[in-house]
Amino acid sequence: MPNIKCSVTECEYNSNVKCDAPMIQVEHNGVPQSKNSDQTKCETFKPKG
């Protein structure tokens, strides 16, 4: 997987500001068609536990 920068340090998959999840899933954020990054959300997020 390519290097994916992630500044969400409270995510379980964040490893030194890089995402180390085995897969990334991105969804629309309440809109039928996203036109910018604010209209998307990362479904891969998992709180650190």
Protein backbone atom coordinates (compact mmCIF):
# COMPACT_ATOMS: atom_id res chain seq x y z
CA MET A 1 0.00 0.00 0.00
CA PRO A 2 1.30 3.51 -0.71
CA ASN A 3 2.26 5.83 2.14
CA ILE A 4 -0.87 7.59 3.40
CA LYS A 5 -0.35 10.55 5.70
CA CYS A 6 -2.75 10.70 8.66
CA SER A 7 -2.80 13.41 11.31
CA VAL A 8 -5.56 11.70 13.35
CA THR A 9 -3.27 10.49 16.12
CA GLU A 10 -6.15 9.01 18.13
CA CYS A 11 -6.70 6.36 15.41
CA GLU A 12 -5.50 2.81 16.08
CA TYR A 13 -3.95 2.67 12.58
CA ASN A 14 -1.86 5.83 12.96
CA SER A 15 1.82 4.97 13.10
CA ASN A 16 4.12 8.01 13.20
CA VAL A 17 1.63 10.15 11.20
CA LYS A 18 1.17 7.40 8.59
CA CYS A 19 -1.77 5.04 8.18
CA ASP A 20 -0.83 1.38 8.57
CA ALA A 21 -4.33 -0.07 8.06
CA PRO A 22 -4.45 -3.09 5.71
CA MET A 23 -7.15 -1.32 3.64
CA ILE A 24 -8.59 2.21 3.44
CA GLN A 25 -12.32 2.77 2.98
CA VAL A 26 -13.62 6.26 2.18
CA GLU A 27 -17.34 7.08 1.99
CA HIS A 28 -19.52 10.08 1.14
CA ASN A 29 -20.24 12.27 4.16
CA GLY A 30 -23.99 12.74 3.83
CA VAL A 31 -24.02 13.83 0.18
CA PRO A 32 -24.78 11.75 -2.94
CA GLN A 33 -21.71 13.05 -4.83
CA SER A 34 -18.66 14.52 -3.13
CA LYS A 35 -17.12 17.63 -4.66
CA ASN A 36 -14.32 18.16 -2.10
CA SER A 37 -12.57 16.37 0.75
CA ASP A 38 -14.88 17.92 3.37
CA GLN A 39 -17.70 15.88 1.84
CA THR A 40 -15.91 12.57 2.46
CA LYS A 41 -15.05 10.57 5.57
CA CYS A 42 -12.67 7.78 6.46
CA GLU A 43 -14.60 4.65 7.41
CA THR A 44 -11.33 2.91 8.36
CA PHE A 45 -10.95 5.00 11.53
CA LYS A 46 -10.72 2.92 14.70
CA PRO A 47 -10.21 4.58 18.10
CA LYS A 48 -7.07 3.56 19.98
CA GLY A 49 -7.96 1.09 22.64
